[in-house]
Amino acid sequence: MININIDGHFGQVLKVQRKVQKITQAKLAEKVKLDKTYISMLERGLRKPSLEVTINLAKALDIPAIEIVSEVESLSEITERD
């Protein structure tokens, strides 16, 4: 099994998507009823989101959850090649 940093890639994708929507971590946390520090930890790759959290974040960002997963997968593939 190849060791890839999925948590870190998820965090990168989440942060980019949040910034595209021009909302703060606090506002995103409020929308998904999570703590702001949890959002920060997700973005820094320090926490693993559940499927439920991933779907709720996607809804709050007004994007399909598959888009987040696809972007994480793409980043992981790039990392594998390097």
Protein backbone atom coordinates (compact mmCIF):
# COMPACT_ATOMS: atom_id res chain seq x y z
CA MET A 1 0.00 0.00 0.00
CA ILE A 2 1.27 3.44 -0.90
CA ASN A 3 1.36 5.88 1.98
CA ILE A 4 -0.29 9.11 0.83
CA ASN A 5 -1.37 12.09 2.88
CA ILE A 6 -5.11 12.00 2.23
CA ASP A 7 -5.86 14.08 5.33
CA GLY A 8 -3.49 16.79 4.13
CA HIS A 9 -4.95 16.71 0.63
CA PHE A 10 -8.48 16.91 2.03
CA GLY A 11 -7.43 19.95 4.03
CA GLN A 12 -5.94 21.65 0.98
CA VAL A 13 -9.11 21.05 -1.04
CA LEU A 14 -11.35 22.23 1.79
CA LYS A 15 -9.36 25.43 2.25
CA VAL A 16 -9.35 26.25 -1.47
CA GLN A 17 -13.09 25.59 -1.79
CA ARG A 18 -13.82 27.69 1.29
CA LYS A 19 -11.77 30.58 -0.07
CA VAL A 20 -13.49 30.29 -3.46
CA GLN A 21 -16.77 30.78 -1.62
CA LYS A 22 -15.18 33.70 0.28
CA ILE A 23 -16.25 32.48 3.69
CA THR A 24 -14.29 32.27 6.90
CA GLN A 25 -13.60 29.12 8.87
CA ALA A 26 -15.99 30.46 11.51
CA LYS A 27 -18.81 30.93 8.99
CA LEU A 28 -18.27 27.46 7.51
CA ALA A 29 -18.22 25.96 11.00
CA GLU A 30 -21.48 27.73 11.79
CA LYS A 31 -23.11 26.40 8.61
CA VAL A 32 -22.19 22.78 9.42
CA LYS A 33 -22.64 23.13 13.18
CA LEU A 34 -19.03 22.29 13.98
CA ASP A 35 -16.40 24.13 15.99
CA LYS A 36 -14.14 26.57 14.14
CA THR A 37 -11.07 24.82 15.55
CA TYR A 38 -12.25 21.55 13.99
CA ILE A 39 -12.45 23.24 10.56
CA SER A 40 -8.94 24.59 11.14
CA MET A 41 -7.67 21.15 12.06
CA LEU A 42 -9.29 19.64 8.95
CA GLU A 43 -7.64 22.26 6.76
CA ARG A 44 -4.25 21.54 8.33
CA GLY A 45 -4.68 17.79 7.85
CA LEU A 46 -4.76 17.09 11.58
CA ARG A 47 -8.22 15.47 11.65
CA LYS A 48 -10.00 12.88 9.55
CA PRO A 49 -13.49 13.88 8.46
CA SER A 50 -16.26 11.33 8.52
CA LEU A 51 -18.34 10.78 5.40
CA GLU A 52 -21.18 12.68 7.08
CA VAL A 53 -18.93 15.67 7.77
CA THR A 54 -17.58 15.58 4.21
CA ILE A 55 -21.10 15.62 2.77
CA ASN A 56 -22.20 18.41 5.12
CA LEU A 57 -19.15 20.50 4.23
CA ALA A 58 -19.85 20.01 0.53
CA LYS A 59 -23.47 21.10 1.00
CA ALA A 60 -22.34 24.16 2.95
CA LEU A 61 -19.91 25.00 0.15
CA ASP A 62 -22.61 24.38 -2.46
CA ILE A 63 -20.60 21.75 -4.33
CA PRO A 64 -21.12 18.01 -4.81
CA ALA A 65 -19.23 15.88 -2.28
CA ILE A 66 -17.81 13.91 -5.19
CA GLU A 67 -15.97 17.07 -6.27
CA ILE A 68 -14.11 17.18 -2.98
CA VAL A 69 -13.29 13.48 -3.17
CA SER A 70 -12.21 13.78 -6.81
CA GLU A 71 -9.88 16.69 -6.04
CA VAL A 72 -8.36 14.79 -3.10
CA GLU A 73 -7.86 11.78 -5.35
CA SER A 74 -6.19 13.94 -8.02
CA LEU A 75 -3.80 15.45 -5.49
CA SER A 76 -3.00 11.97 -4.20
CA GLU A 77 -2.20 10.74 -7.71
CA ILE A 78 0.12 13.68 -8.29
CA THR A 79 1.89 12.90 -5.01
CA GLU A 80 2.27 9.23 -5.94
CA ARG A 81 4.03 10.17 -9.18
CA ASP A 82 6.53 12.46 -7.48
